[in-house]
C-alpha atoms as a PDB file:
ATOM      1  CA  GLU A   1      73.843 133.466 102.258  1.00  0.00           C
ATOM      2  CA  VAL A   2      75.690 131.651  99.028  1.00  0.00           C
ATOM      3  CA  GLN A   3      74.233 128.574  98.264  1.00  0.00           C
ATOM      4  CA  LEU A   4      75.217 126.013  95.043  1.00  0.00           C
ATOM      5  CA  GLN A   5      72.958 123.395  94.231  1.00  0.00           C
ATOM      6  CA  ALA A   6      74.192 120.516  92.080  1.00  0.00           C
ATOM      7  CA  SER A   7      72.440 118.035  90.164  1.00  0.00           C
ATOM      8  CA  GLY A   8      72.342 115.807  87.211  1.00  0.00           C
ATOM      9  CA  GLY A   9      74.432 112.692  88.486  1.00  0.00           C
ATOM     10  CA  GLY A  10      73.537 109.522  88.157  1.00  0.00           C
ATOM     11  CA  SER A  11      74.429 105.840  86.447  1.00  0.00           C
ATOM     12  CA  VAL A  12      75.798 105.663  82.948  1.00  0.00           C
ATOM     13  CA  GLN A  13      77.664 102.910  81.286  1.00  0.00           C
ATOM     14  CA  ALA A  14      81.368 103.601  80.198  1.00  0.00           C
ATOM     15  CA  GLY A  15      81.399 105.977  77.028  1.00  0.00           C
ATOM     16  CA  GLY A  16      78.071 107.727  77.915  1.00  0.00           C
ATOM     17  CA  SER A  17      77.506 111.059  78.444  1.00  0.00           C
ATOM     18  CA  LEU A  18      76.231 113.189  81.676  1.00  0.00           C
ATOM     19  CA  ARG A  19      75.581 116.896  82.298  1.00  0.00           C
ATOM     20  CA  LEU A  20      76.070 118.256  85.869  1.00  0.00           C
ATOM     21  CA  ALA A  21      74.470 121.689  86.803  1.00  0.00           C
ATOM     22  CA  CYS A  22      75.056 123.675  89.718  1.00  0.00           C
ATOM     23  CA  VAL A  23      72.650 126.813  90.497  1.00  0.00           C
ATOM     24  CA  ALA A  24      74.851 129.512  92.009  1.00  0.00           C
ATOM     25  CA  SER A  25      72.345 132.066  94.652  1.00  0.00           C
ATOM     26  CA  GLY A  26      73.134 134.188  97.212  1.00  0.00           C
ATOM     27  CA  PHE A  27      75.725 136.323  95.484  1.00  0.00           C
ATOM     28  CA  THR A  28      76.396 138.070  92.264  1.00  0.00           C
ATOM     29  CA  PHE A  29      77.144 135.213  89.776  1.00  0.00           C
ATOM     30  CA  GLY A  30      79.940 137.094  87.950  1.00  0.00           C
ATOM     31  CA  ASP A  31      82.001 137.859  91.034  1.00  0.00           C
ATOM     32  CA  TYR A  32      82.655 133.963  91.510  1.00  0.00           C
ATOM     33  CA  ALA A  33      84.836 131.723  89.345  1.00  0.00           C
ATOM     34  CA  VAL A  34      82.553 128.492  89.513  1.00  0.00           C
ATOM     35  CA  GLY A  35      83.516 124.723  89.325  1.00  0.00           C
ATOM     36  CA  TRP A  36      83.545 121.030  90.072  1.00  0.00           C
ATOM     37  CA  PHE A  37      85.786 118.856  92.492  1.00  0.00           C
ATOM     38  CA  ARG A  38      85.336 115.293  92.569  1.00  0.00           C
ATOM     39  CA  GLN A  39      85.915 112.773  95.536  1.00  0.00           C
ATOM     40  CA  ALA A  40      85.785 108.914  95.198  1.00  0.00           C
ATOM     41  CA  PRO A  41      85.764 106.566  97.674  1.00  0.00           C
ATOM     42  CA  GLY A  42      89.058 106.267  99.672  1.00  0.00           C
ATOM     43  CA  LYS A  43      90.955 108.742  97.337  1.00  0.00           C
ATOM     44  CA  GLU A  44      91.336 112.665  97.857  1.00  0.00           C
ATOM     45  CA  ARG A  45      89.633 115.387  96.011  1.00  0.00           C
ATOM     46  CA  GLU A  46      90.744 116.120  92.584  1.00  0.00           C
ATOM     47  CA  GLY A  47      89.688 119.556  91.085  1.00  0.00           C
ATOM     48  CA  ILE A  48      87.925 118.753  87.647  1.00  0.00           C
ATOM     49  CA  SER A  49      86.814 121.925  86.234  1.00  0.00           C
ATOM     50  CA  LEU A  50      86.415 125.880  86.957  1.00  0.00           C
ATOM     51  CA  ILE A  51      84.910 128.780  84.709  1.00  0.00           C
ATOM     52  CA  SER A  52      85.329 132.682  85.601  1.00  0.00           C
ATOM     53  CA  THR A  53      81.845 133.915  85.079  1.00  0.00           C
ATOM     54  CA  LYS A  54      83.858 136.947  84.917  1.00  0.00           C
ATOM     55  CA  THR A  55      85.910 136.184  81.674  1.00  0.00           C
ATOM     56  CA  GLY A  56      84.762 132.930  80.427  1.00  0.00           C
ATOM     57  CA  ALA A  57      88.246 131.416  80.685  1.00  0.00           C
ATOM     58  CA  THR A  58      88.190 127.733  81.484  1.00  0.00           C
ATOM     59  CA  TYR A  59      90.167 125.570  83.018  1.00  0.00           C
ATOM     60  CA  TYR A  60      90.611 121.742  83.403  1.00  0.00           C
ATOM     61  CA  SER A  61      92.527 118.902  84.583  1.00  0.00           C
ATOM     62  CA  ASP A  62      94.508 116.655  82.418  1.00  0.00           C
ATOM     63  CA  SER A  63      92.242 113.679  83.148  1.00  0.00           C
ATOM     64  CA  VAL A  64      89.254 115.194  82.064  1.00  0.00           C
ATOM     65  CA  LYS A  65      90.294 117.977  79.554  1.00  0.00           C
ATOM     66  CA  ASP A  66      89.538 116.018  75.917  1.00  0.00           C
ATOM     67  CA  ARG A  67      86.020 115.155  77.469  1.00  0.00           C
ATOM     68  CA  PHE A  68      84.390 117.055  79.690  1.00  0.00           C
ATOM     69  CA  THR A  69      82.904 120.845  78.601  1.00  0.00           C
ATOM     70  CA  ILE A  70      82.255 123.230  81.461  1.00  0.00           C
ATOM     71  CA  SER A  71      80.055 126.141  80.677  1.00  0.00           C
ATOM     72  CA  SER A  72      77.944 128.869  82.307  1.00  0.00           C
ATOM     73  CA  ASP A  73      74.478 130.420  81.394  1.00  0.00           C
ATOM     74  CA  ARG A  74      74.316 134.080  83.442  1.00  0.00           C
ATOM     75  CA  ASP A  75      70.416 134.349  82.820  1.00  0.00           C
ATOM     76  CA  LYS A  76      70.181 131.311  84.858  1.00  0.00           C
ATOM     77  CA  SER A  77      73.145 131.540  87.533  1.00  0.00           C
ATOM     78  CA  THR A  78      74.062 128.090  86.236  1.00  0.00           C
ATOM     79  CA  VAL A  79      77.252 126.482  85.382  1.00  0.00           C
ATOM     80  CA  TYR A  80      77.404 122.823  83.468  1.00  0.00           C
ATOM     81  CA  LEU A  81      79.666 120.531  82.963  1.00  0.00           C
ATOM     82  CA  HIS A  82      79.042 117.976  80.231  1.00  0.00           C
ATOM     83  CA  MET A  83      80.842 115.038  80.489  1.00  0.00           C
ATOM     84  CA  SER A  84      81.460 112.598  77.438  1.00  0.00           C
ATOM     85  CA  ALA A  85      83.545 109.040  77.052  1.00  0.00           C
ATOM     86  CA  LEU A  86      82.771 108.574  80.580  1.00  0.00           C
ATOM     87  CA  LYS A  87      85.054 106.010  82.372  1.00  0.00           C
ATOM     88  CA  PRO A  88      84.376 104.116  85.438  1.00  0.00           C
ATOM     89  CA  GLU A  89      87.513 105.984  87.109  1.00  0.00           C
ATOM     90  CA  ASP A  90      85.475 109.037  86.704  1.00  0.00           C
ATOM     91  CA  THR A  91      83.118 107.409  89.483  1.00  0.00           C
ATOM     92  CA  ALA A  92      82.904 110.034  92.430  1.00  0.00           C
ATOM     93  CA  VAL A  93      80.666 112.294  94.073  1.00  0.00           C
ATOM     94  CA  TYR A  94      80.974 115.337  92.274  1.00  0.00           C
ATOM     95  CA  PHE A  95      80.840 118.821  93.980  1.00  0.00           C
ATOM     96  CA  CYS A  96      80.120 122.375  92.758  1.00  0.00           C
ATOM     97  CA  VAL A  97      82.512 125.076  93.705  1.00  0.00           C
ATOM     98  CA  ALA A  98      82.887 128.701  93.823  1.00  0.00           C
ATOM     99  CA  VAL A  99      85.716 131.294  94.651  1.00  0.00           C
ATOM    100  CA  SER A 100      85.948 134.873  94.398  1.00  0.00           C
ATOM    101  CA  GLU A 101      86.793 136.422  91.413  1.00  0.00           C
ATOM    102  CA  SER A 102      89.432 138.598  93.044  1.00  0.00           C
ATOM    103  CA  ASN A 103      91.627 135.645  93.310  1.00  0.00           C
ATOM    104  CA  VAL A 104      94.084 134.634  90.682  1.00  0.00           C
ATOM    105  CA  LEU A 105      93.057 130.686  89.108  1.00  0.00           C
ATOM    106  CA  ASP A 106      95.824 129.658  87.693  1.00  0.00           C
ATOM    107  CA  TYR A 107      96.912 127.265  90.669  1.00  0.00           C
ATOM    108  CA  TRP A 108      93.006 126.386  91.666  1.00  0.00           C
ATOM    109  CA  LYS A 109      93.754 122.708  91.854  1.00  0.00           C
ATOM    110  CA  THR A 110      96.027 123.053  94.643  1.00  0.00           C
ATOM    111  CA  TRP A 111      94.110 125.232  96.583  1.00  0.00           C
ATOM    112  CA  PRO A 112      92.611 123.983 100.178  1.00  0.00           C
ATOM    113  CA  SER A 113      89.185 123.461 100.907  1.00  0.00           C
ATOM    114  CA  TRP A 114      88.614 126.587 102.891  1.00  0.00           C
ATOM    115  CA  MET A 115      89.200 128.708  99.906  1.00  0.00           C
ATOM    116  CA  TRP A 116      85.744 127.629  98.279  1.00  0.00           C
ATOM    117  CA  THR A 117      82.268 127.676  98.700  1.00  0.00           C
ATOM    118  CA  TRP A 118      80.909 124.187  98.820  1.00  0.00           C
ATOM    119  CA  GLY A 119      77.837 122.854  97.207  1.00  0.00           C
ATOM    120  CA  GLN A 120      75.949 119.648  98.504  1.00  0.00           C
ATOM    121  CA  GLY A 121      77.665 117.289  95.927  1.00  0.00           C
ATOM    122  CA  THR A 122      75.918 115.013  93.192  1.00  0.00           C
ATOM    123  CA  GLN A 123      76.978 111.020  92.722  1.00  0.00           C
ATOM    124  CA  VAL A 124      78.150 109.990  89.253  1.00  0.00           C
ATOM    125  CA  THR A 125      78.359 106.291  88.657  1.00  0.00           C
ATOM    126  CA  VAL A 126      80.026 104.711  85.512  1.00  0.00           C
ATOM    127  CA  SER A 127      79.871 101.166  84.708  1.00  0.00           C
ATOM    128  CA  SER A 128      82.228  99.043  82.930  1.00  0.00           C
END
């Protein structure tokens, strides 16, 4: 069974930093791209970042591309999202997601939910 365990959320002040972690299990790490979506109350989900664990290619939304960094650790089967210069609008539940590397990843932010395996989510709260 594919499982994604997200952690690292918490409360920080604007301008602060936070690192999220997603531990993947139940599948070969390099066979899936792993990333993060977020959802704030009353708002639709937003694709934040994605990394190909096969090639190392990374993808970011425009809203976070200069502030967030995604990375992977093959030995730990873990994907990290380091978030810097956090803003109140970053407040959301952050979900770790995975998708088969057999897919072309360019349009990942527009894919429907059924394309992904979802983790449980971790809350990030940024105060002003």
